[in-house]
Amino acid sequence: MSKTITLRISDKNYKIFKKLAESDNRPLSNFIETSVKKYIEQNIWVDDFEMDEIRNNTELNKSLKRAFSDAKKKKGCFA
C-alpha cells in the first residue's frame, strides 16, 4: 500500500525537480521516488559484477572467514 509523506524542499529545488519530472513526463512524486531508488542502487548496493568478483576472490573470502572467526572469539583489536 502506498504511503503519503511530507517533504520540505526549497523553492529552487522544487522548480528543478518539477522541470525534470515534466521532461520525463512523470509526476513529481514518481520522479523523486525513482531518483532516490537509483541513488540507493548506485551508492549502497553491490551490483552483480562486483558480487561475482567478491564471491570468486578466494583469498578475500579466506581472510573474511578468519576475521569473522576472530571476531566471534573476541580475538584481535577492532577499531
N, C-alpha and C. Protein backbone atom coordinates (compact mmCIF):
# COMPACT_ATOMS: atom_id res chain seq x y z
N MET A 1 0.84 -1.18 0.00
CA MET A 1 0.00 0.00 0.00
C MET A 1 0.88 1.24 0.00
N SER A 2 0.57 2.19 -0.81
CA SER A 2 1.34 3.43 -0.90
C SER A 2 1.18 4.25 0.38
N LYS A 3 2.23 4.99 0.69
CA LYS A 3 2.23 5.89 1.86
C LYS A 3 2.40 7.32 1.38
N THR A 4 1.81 8.24 2.08
CA THR A 4 1.96 9.66 1.79
C THR A 4 2.90 10.26 2.80
N ILE A 5 3.86 11.04 2.32
CA ILE A 5 4.80 11.72 3.20
C ILE A 5 4.82 13.21 2.88
N THR A 6 5.32 13.98 3.82
CA THR A 6 5.51 15.41 3.58
C THR A 6 7.00 15.65 3.41
N LEU A 7 7.36 16.35 2.37
CA LEU A 7 8.76 16.63 2.07
C LEU A 7 8.93 18.13 1.91
N ARG A 8 9.79 18.72 2.72
CA ARG A 8 10.02 20.16 2.62
C ARG A 8 11.31 20.38 1.82
N ILE A 9 11.18 21.09 0.70
CA ILE A 9 12.33 21.43 -0.14
C ILE A 9 12.27 22.91 -0.49
N SER A 10 13.39 23.45 -0.85
CA SER A 10 13.44 24.87 -1.21
C SER A 10 12.69 25.10 -2.52
N ASP A 11 12.29 26.35 -2.73
CA ASP A 11 11.62 26.71 -3.99
C ASP A 11 12.52 26.41 -5.18
N LYS A 12 13.81 26.69 -5.01
CA LYS A 12 14.77 26.44 -6.09
C LYS A 12 14.80 24.96 -6.47
N ASN A 13 14.92 24.08 -5.46
CA ASN A 13 14.95 22.65 -5.75
C ASN A 13 13.61 22.15 -6.29
N TYR A 14 12.52 22.70 -5.78
CA TYR A 14 11.20 22.32 -6.29
C TYR A 14 11.11 22.59 -7.79
N LYS A 15 11.54 23.76 -8.20
CA LYS A 15 11.49 24.12 -9.62
C LYS A 15 12.36 23.18 -10.46
N ILE A 16 13.54 22.85 -9.93
CA ILE A 16 14.44 21.94 -10.66
C ILE A 16 13.80 20.56 -10.78
N PHE A 17 13.31 20.01 -9.66
CA PHE A 17 12.70 18.68 -9.68
C PHE A 17 11.47 18.64 -10.57
N LYS A 18 10.64 19.67 -10.47
CA LYS A 18 9.42 19.72 -11.26
C LYS A 18 9.75 19.75 -12.75
N LYS A 19 10.74 20.55 -13.13
CA LYS A 19 11.13 20.64 -14.53
C LYS A 19 11.66 19.29 -15.05
N LEU A 20 12.47 18.63 -14.24
CA LEU A 20 13.00 17.33 -14.63
C LEU A 20 11.89 16.28 -14.74
N ALA A 21 10.94 16.31 -13.81
CA ALA A 21 9.81 15.37 -13.86
C ALA A 21 8.99 15.60 -15.13
N GLU A 22 8.73 16.86 -15.43
CA GLU A 22 7.96 17.18 -16.64
C GLU A 22 8.69 16.75 -17.90
N SER A 23 10.00 16.90 -17.90
CA SER A 23 10.76 16.49 -19.10
C SER A 23 10.70 14.98 -19.31
N ASP A 24 10.47 14.23 -18.24
CA ASP A 24 10.31 12.77 -18.33
C ASP A 24 8.84 12.37 -18.42
N ASN A 25 7.94 13.40 -18.43
CA ASN A 25 6.51 13.15 -18.49
C ASN A 25 6.04 12.26 -17.33
N ARG A 26 6.52 12.62 -16.12
CA ARG A 26 6.16 11.86 -14.92
C ARG A 26 5.69 12.81 -13.82
N PRO A 27 4.89 12.31 -12.90
CA PRO A 27 4.53 13.12 -11.75
C PRO A 27 5.77 13.39 -10.89
N LEU A 28 5.75 14.50 -10.19
CA LEU A 28 6.88 14.87 -9.34
C LEU A 28 7.18 13.78 -8.31
N SER A 29 6.15 13.22 -7.71
CA SER A 29 6.36 12.19 -6.68
C SER A 29 7.09 10.97 -7.27
N ASN A 30 6.71 10.59 -8.49
CA ASN A 30 7.37 9.45 -9.14
C ASN A 30 8.82 9.78 -9.46
N PHE A 31 9.08 11.00 -9.91
CA PHE A 31 10.45 11.41 -10.21
C PHE A 31 11.32 11.33 -8.95
N ILE A 32 10.82 11.86 -7.84
CA ILE A 32 11.59 11.84 -6.59
C ILE A 32 11.81 10.40 -6.13
N GLU A 33 10.77 9.59 -6.16
CA GLU A 33 10.89 8.19 -5.71
C GLU A 33 11.91 7.42 -6.55
N THR A 34 11.83 7.52 -7.86
CA THR A 34 12.76 6.78 -8.71
C THR A 34 14.18 7.32 -8.60
N SER A 35 14.32 8.62 -8.40
CA SER A 35 15.65 9.21 -8.22
C SER A 35 16.32 8.69 -6.95
N VAL A 36 15.56 8.61 -5.89
CA VAL A 36 16.10 8.10 -4.63
C VAL A 36 16.46 6.62 -4.77
N LYS A 37 15.61 5.85 -5.42
CA LYS A 37 15.91 4.43 -5.62
C LYS A 37 17.18 4.24 -6.45
N LYS A 38 17.35 5.05 -7.49
CA LYS A 38 18.58 4.97 -8.30
C LYS A 38 19.80 5.31 -7.47
N TYR A 39 19.69 6.34 -6.63
CA TYR A 39 20.80 6.73 -5.76
C TYR A 39 21.19 5.57 -4.85
N ILE A 40 20.20 4.93 -4.26
CA ILE A 40 20.47 3.80 -3.35
C ILE A 40 21.15 2.67 -4.11
N GLU A 41 20.63 2.32 -5.27
CA GLU A 41 21.21 1.25 -6.07
C GLU A 41 22.65 1.54 -6.46
N GLN A 42 22.94 2.78 -6.79
CA GLN A 42 24.28 3.14 -7.26
C GLN A 42 25.28 3.33 -6.14
N ASN A 43 24.82 3.69 -4.95
CA ASN A 43 25.74 4.05 -3.88
C ASN A 43 25.76 3.12 -2.69
N ILE A 44 24.76 2.29 -2.55
CA ILE A 44 24.70 1.44 -1.37
C ILE A 44 24.80 -0.04 -1.74
N TRP A 45 24.10 -0.46 -2.74
CA TRP A 45 24.07 -1.87 -3.11
C TRP A 45 25.26 -2.24 -3.97
N VAL A 46 25.65 -3.48 -3.89
CA VAL A 46 26.72 -4.02 -4.73
C VAL A 46 26.05 -4.60 -5.97
N ASP A 47 26.56 -4.25 -7.16
CA ASP A 47 25.95 -4.79 -8.36
C ASP A 47 26.41 -6.23 -8.59
N ASP A 48 25.79 -6.90 -9.54
CA ASP A 48 26.06 -8.32 -9.79
C ASP A 48 27.52 -8.56 -10.15
N PHE A 49 28.11 -7.66 -10.94
CA PHE A 49 29.51 -7.82 -11.34
C PHE A 49 30.42 -7.78 -10.12
N GLU A 50 30.20 -6.78 -9.23
CA GLU A 50 31.02 -6.67 -8.02
C GLU A 50 30.83 -7.88 -7.11
N MET A 51 29.58 -8.35 -6.98
CA MET A 51 29.32 -9.50 -6.12
C MET A 51 30.00 -10.75 -6.66
N ASP A 52 30.02 -10.93 -7.97
CA ASP A 52 30.73 -12.07 -8.57
C ASP A 52 32.22 -11.99 -8.27
N GLU A 53 32.78 -10.79 -8.36
CA GLU A 53 34.21 -10.62 -8.04
C GLU A 53 34.49 -10.99 -6.59
N ILE A 54 33.62 -10.56 -5.68
CA ILE A 54 33.79 -10.88 -4.26
C ILE A 54 33.69 -12.38 -4.03
N ARG A 55 32.68 -12.99 -4.59
CA ARG A 55 32.47 -14.44 -4.39
C ARG A 55 33.62 -15.28 -4.96
N ASN A 56 34.20 -14.81 -6.07
CA ASN A 56 35.25 -15.59 -6.73
C ASN A 56 36.66 -15.27 -6.24
N ASN A 57 36.80 -14.33 -5.33
CA ASN A 57 38.11 -13.98 -4.79
C ASN A 57 38.38 -14.87 -3.57
N THR A 58 39.09 -15.98 -3.80
CA THR A 58 39.30 -16.96 -2.73
C THR A 58 40.12 -16.40 -1.58
N GLU A 59 41.13 -15.61 -1.87
CA GLU A 59 41.95 -15.03 -0.80
C GLU A 59 41.13 -14.08 0.08
N LEU A 60 40.32 -13.27 -0.56
CA LEU A 60 39.46 -12.36 0.19
C LEU A 60 38.50 -13.14 1.08
N ASN A 61 37.90 -14.18 0.53
CA ASN A 61 36.94 -14.97 1.31
C ASN A 61 37.60 -15.70 2.47
N LYS A 62 38.81 -16.19 2.28
CA LYS A 62 39.54 -16.82 3.38
C LYS A 62 39.81 -15.79 4.48
N SER A 63 40.23 -14.61 4.09
CA SER A 63 40.52 -13.54 5.04
C SER A 63 39.26 -13.13 5.80
N LEU A 64 38.15 -13.00 5.09
CA LEU A 64 36.89 -12.64 5.75
C LEU A 64 36.43 -13.72 6.73
N LYS A 65 36.61 -14.98 6.37
CA LYS A 65 36.24 -16.08 7.27
C LYS A 65 37.11 -16.07 8.52
N ARG A 66 38.42 -15.83 8.35
CA ARG A 66 39.31 -15.74 9.52
C ARG A 66 38.91 -14.58 10.41
N ALA A 67 38.61 -13.45 9.80
CA ALA A 67 38.22 -12.26 10.56
C ALA A 67 36.91 -12.51 11.31
N PHE A 68 35.96 -13.16 10.67
CA PHE A 68 34.69 -13.46 11.31
C PHE A 68 34.90 -14.39 12.49
N SER A 69 35.75 -15.40 12.29
CA SER A 69 36.06 -16.35 13.37
C SER A 69 36.73 -15.63 14.54
N ASP A 70 37.71 -14.76 14.24
CA ASP A 70 38.38 -13.99 15.28
C ASP A 70 37.40 -13.08 16.02
N ALA A 71 36.49 -12.47 15.31
CA ALA A 71 35.52 -11.59 15.94
C ALA A 71 34.60 -12.36 16.88
N LYS A 72 34.18 -13.55 16.47
CA LYS A 72 33.33 -14.36 17.33
C LYS A 72 34.07 -14.75 18.63
N LYS A 73 35.39 -14.95 18.51
CA LYS A 73 36.21 -15.33 19.66
C LYS A 73 36.66 -14.11 20.45
N LYS A 74 36.27 -12.91 19.98
CA LYS A 74 36.69 -11.65 20.57
C LYS A 74 38.21 -11.56 20.61
N LYS A 75 38.80 -12.03 19.53
CA LYS A 75 40.25 -12.04 19.36
C LYS A 75 40.66 -10.90 18.45
N GLY A 76 41.67 -10.15 18.83
CA GLY A 76 42.14 -9.08 17.98
C GLY A 76 41.66 -7.72 18.46
N CYS A 77 42.01 -6.72 17.70
CA CYS A 77 41.67 -5.34 18.03
C CYS A 77 40.72 -4.79 16.99
N PHE A 78 39.60 -4.26 17.41
CA PHE A 78 38.63 -3.71 16.50
C PHE A 78 38.56 -2.21 16.71
N ALA A 79 38.96 -1.48 15.69
CA ALA A 79 38.98 -0.02 15.81
C ALA A 79 38.07 0.62 14.81
